[in-house]
Amino acid sequence: MTESVINYFKKITNLSSEESKILSETMELKTFEKGSFLIKEGQYENESFLVMKGLVRQYKNVDGNEVTTNFFTEEQWIINFETVEGKSISKYNLLCVEDTTVVIGDEEKAVKLFQQFPKFERVSRQIMETVFKEQQEQMVSHLTDKPENRYLKLLAARPDIFQRVAQYDIASYIGVKPESLSRIRKKLAQKD
């Protein structure tokens, strides 16, 4: 799995053998079983996660209901921008829908790595910009798109999600009840 992480970073930037070695030595890989939480709402958090294998569902409890706000799969970062400057209390639950292996990012370790290898600070900034852009696009979609359009966007961008998570989680993510999702799917099937 370490090699997969190194290959992930090599897609972003060229790595010397020394840089690859230090990444291998400093990264913390951890596997969580299906049904485990990376973090629960209300817990302190100061870590980020890079999903290497598996699927994590992000959700929030709202009036006794679980509202799915995101799905994270292979080579996606889970970053809470409120924790970049230190610990904060999580507003979300991060639940492993499958057995999941993540790289755990720790700000203190990152600062030391950046001092030794400034290139990694630039890489970190690139990653954070990408994650921020994705979160902004998702937020705008949830504010402006109709549920049918959110469904179609999810289907186009991440078709694997539909085989990996429960339909009621997809319904929650696009902002409808499961029966409304069934109607959307039926309507789209009739168009084809």
Protein backbone atom coordinates (compact mmCIF):
# COMPACT_ATOMS: atom_id res chain seq x y z
CA MET A 1 0.00 0.00 0.00
CA THR A 2 2.94 2.34 0.68
CA GLU A 3 3.91 2.07 -2.98
CA SER A 4 0.39 3.13 -3.98
CA VAL A 5 0.73 6.26 -1.85
CA ILE A 6 4.09 7.10 -3.40
CA ASN A 7 2.58 6.59 -6.86
CA TYR A 8 -0.28 8.92 -5.94
CA PHE A 9 2.18 11.70 -5.09
CA LYS A 10 4.21 10.98 -8.23
CA LYS A 11 1.11 11.84 -10.26
CA ILE A 12 1.27 15.31 -8.72
CA THR A 13 5.01 15.95 -8.76
CA ASN A 14 8.36 14.33 -9.49
CA LEU A 15 9.84 12.70 -6.40
CA SER A 16 13.49 12.02 -5.77
CA SER A 17 14.42 8.74 -4.11
CA GLU A 18 15.10 10.69 -0.91
CA GLU A 19 11.66 12.33 -1.04
CA SER A 20 9.99 8.97 -1.69
CA LYS A 21 11.91 7.45 1.21
CA ILE A 22 10.94 10.19 3.66
CA LEU A 23 7.30 9.94 2.62
CA SER A 24 7.39 6.18 3.18
CA GLU A 25 8.97 6.63 6.60
CA THR A 26 6.66 9.37 7.84
CA MET A 27 3.26 8.34 6.50
CA GLU A 28 0.79 6.68 8.80
CA LEU A 29 -1.39 4.10 7.06
CA LYS A 30 -4.34 2.68 8.92
CA THR A 31 -7.10 0.26 7.94
CA PHE A 32 -10.62 0.57 9.34
CA GLU A 33 -13.24 -2.14 9.13
CA LYS A 34 -16.57 -1.56 7.44
CA GLY A 35 -18.86 0.22 9.92
CA SER A 36 -15.98 1.94 11.75
CA PHE A 37 -15.80 5.69 12.20
CA LEU A 38 -12.78 7.75 11.24
CA ILE A 39 -14.31 10.49 13.33
CA LYS A 40 -17.66 11.14 14.99
CA GLU A 41 -19.59 14.36 15.14
CA GLY A 42 -18.58 16.29 18.27
CA GLN A 43 -15.10 14.74 18.56
CA TYR A 44 -11.98 16.85 18.35
CA GLU A 45 -10.18 16.43 15.07
CA ASN A 46 -6.91 17.70 13.71
CA GLU A 47 -6.18 15.14 11.03
CA SER A 48 -6.86 14.81 7.35
CA PHE A 49 -7.25 11.53 5.51
CA LEU A 50 -6.28 10.30 2.06
CA VAL A 51 -8.43 7.32 1.10
CA MET A 52 -6.27 4.69 -0.56
CA LYS A 53 -8.81 1.87 -0.58
CA GLY A 54 -12.46 1.77 0.37
CA LEU A 55 -15.26 4.27 0.77
CA VAL A 56 -16.11 6.78 3.50
CA ARG A 57 -19.52 8.42 3.85
CA GLN A 58 -19.63 11.85 5.43
CA TYR A 59 -22.91 12.66 7.14
CA LYS A 60 -24.44 14.94 9.73
CA ASN A 61 -27.29 14.26 12.14
CA VAL A 62 -30.10 16.74 11.50
CA ASP A 63 -33.25 16.43 13.60
CA GLY A 64 -32.61 12.71 14.14
CA ASN A 65 -31.93 12.01 10.46
CA GLU A 66 -28.60 11.21 8.84
CA VAL A 67 -27.95 13.66 6.02
CA THR A 68 -25.22 12.44 3.69
CA THR A 69 -22.97 15.31 2.60
CA ASN A 70 -20.23 13.49 0.71
CA PHE A 71 -18.65 10.21 -0.35
CA PHE A 72 -14.88 9.74 -0.43
CA THR A 73 -13.24 6.97 -2.44
CA GLU A 74 -9.79 6.02 -3.65
CA GLU A 75 -7.30 8.90 -3.96
CA GLN A 76 -9.65 11.46 -2.44
CA TRP A 77 -8.73 13.65 0.49
CA ILE A 78 -10.96 14.27 3.47
CA ILE A 79 -9.94 17.68 4.75
CA ASN A 80 -11.75 19.81 7.28
CA PHE A 81 -10.49 23.31 6.54
CA GLU A 82 -11.35 24.39 10.08
CA THR A 83 -8.64 22.06 11.42
CA VAL A 84 -5.85 23.42 9.23
CA GLU A 85 -4.89 25.88 11.94
CA GLY A 86 -5.38 23.44 14.83
CA LYS A 87 -7.96 21.23 16.48
CA SER A 88 -11.65 21.80 16.01
CA ILE A 89 -14.79 19.91 16.88
CA SER A 90 -16.07 17.82 14.01
CA LYS A 91 -19.45 18.77 12.62
CA TYR A 92 -19.67 15.51 10.66
CA ASN A 93 -19.41 11.76 11.02
CA LEU A 94 -16.98 9.91 8.77
CA LEU A 95 -18.21 6.32 8.45
CA CYS A 96 -16.39 3.57 6.56
CA VAL A 97 -18.94 2.00 4.21
CA GLU A 98 -16.34 -0.60 3.16
CA ASP A 99 -13.11 -1.83 4.72
CA THR A 100 -11.03 1.31 4.22
CA THR A 101 -7.33 2.12 4.26
CA VAL A 102 -6.30 5.74 4.72
CA VAL A 103 -3.16 7.77 5.06
CA ILE A 104 -3.58 9.90 8.16
CA GLY A 105 -2.33 13.45 7.70
CA ASP A 106 -1.09 15.22 10.80
CA GLU A 107 -0.37 18.95 10.73
CA GLU A 108 2.56 18.74 13.14
CA LYS A 109 4.31 16.07 11.03
CA ALA A 110 3.51 18.03 7.89
CA VAL A 111 5.20 21.20 9.18
CA LYS A 112 8.39 19.25 9.90
CA LEU A 113 8.25 17.65 6.45
CA PHE A 114 7.72 21.06 4.81
CA GLN A 115 10.78 22.46 6.60
CA GLN A 116 12.94 19.62 5.31
CA PHE A 117 11.37 19.43 1.84
CA PRO A 118 9.68 22.72 0.79
CA LYS A 119 8.33 21.01 -2.34
CA PHE A 120 5.81 19.15 -0.16
CA GLU A 121 4.33 22.43 1.03
CA ARG A 122 3.60 23.35 -2.60
CA VAL A 123 2.10 19.89 -3.18
CA SER A 124 -0.02 20.29 -0.05
CA ARG A 125 -1.26 23.66 -1.27
CA GLN A 126 -2.18 22.15 -4.67
CA ILE A 127 -4.13 19.37 -2.95
CA MET A 128 -5.95 21.81 -0.67
CA GLU A 129 -6.85 24.04 -3.61
CA THR A 130 -8.27 21.04 -5.48
CA VAL A 131 -10.28 19.87 -2.47
CA PHE A 132 -11.55 23.40 -1.83
CA LYS A 133 -12.64 23.75 -5.47
CA GLU A 134 -14.48 20.40 -5.32
CA GLN A 135 -16.24 21.44 -2.11
CA GLN A 136 -17.24 24.78 -3.62
CA GLU A 137 -18.65 23.10 -6.74
CA GLN A 138 -20.59 20.64 -4.60
CA MET A 139 -22.01 23.43 -2.44
CA VAL A 140 -23.10 25.49 -5.46
CA SER A 141 -24.71 22.40 -7.00
CA HIS A 142 -26.66 21.71 -3.81
CA LEU A 143 -27.84 25.31 -3.68
CA THR A 144 -28.75 25.77 -7.33
CA ASP A 145 -29.43 22.39 -9.01
CA LYS A 146 -32.65 20.44 -8.83
CA PRO A 147 -32.34 16.95 -7.28
CA GLU A 148 -32.60 15.32 -10.72
CA ASN A 149 -29.59 17.34 -11.92
CA ARG A 150 -27.61 16.49 -8.76
CA TYR A 151 -28.41 12.81 -9.41
CA LEU A 152 -27.24 13.07 -13.03
CA LYS A 153 -24.04 14.87 -12.01
CA LEU A 154 -23.24 12.20 -9.44
CA LEU A 155 -23.99 9.46 -11.96
CA ALA A 156 -21.74 11.08 -14.59
CA ALA A 157 -18.86 11.91 -12.25
CA ARG A 158 -18.90 8.90 -9.94
CA PRO A 159 -20.90 5.97 -11.34
CA ASP A 160 -19.17 3.49 -9.03
CA ILE A 161 -20.90 5.08 -6.02
CA PHE A 162 -24.22 3.59 -7.14
CA GLN A 163 -22.86 0.05 -6.69
CA ARG A 164 -21.06 0.81 -3.44
CA VAL A 165 -23.56 2.64 -1.22
CA ALA A 166 -27.19 2.20 -0.21
CA GLN A 167 -29.82 3.96 -2.31
CA TYR A 168 -31.14 5.83 0.75
CA ASP A 169 -27.66 7.35 1.21
CA ILE A 170 -27.68 8.51 -2.42
CA ALA A 171 -31.17 9.93 -1.89
CA SER A 172 -29.97 11.77 1.22
CA TYR A 173 -26.94 13.10 -0.67
CA ILE A 174 -29.01 14.58 -3.49
CA GLY A 175 -31.54 15.92 -0.97
CA VAL A 176 -34.60 13.75 -1.50
CA LYS A 177 -36.47 10.92 0.19
CA PRO A 178 -35.79 7.38 -1.14
CA GLU A 179 -39.20 7.25 -2.82
CA SER A 180 -38.41 10.49 -4.67
CA LEU A 181 -35.14 8.97 -5.84
CA SER A 182 -37.11 6.02 -7.22
CA ARG A 183 -39.34 8.45 -9.14
CA ILE A 184 -36.29 10.28 -10.54
CA ARG A 185 -34.74 7.02 -11.67
CA LYS A 186 -38.02 5.85 -13.23
CA LYS A 187 -38.45 9.18 -15.05
CA LEU A 188 -34.90 9.04 -16.41
CA ALA A 189 -35.35 5.41 -17.50
CA GLN A 190 -38.48 6.38 -19.46
CA LYS A 191 -36.52 9.14 -21.26
CA ASP A 192 -34.04 6.53 -22.52
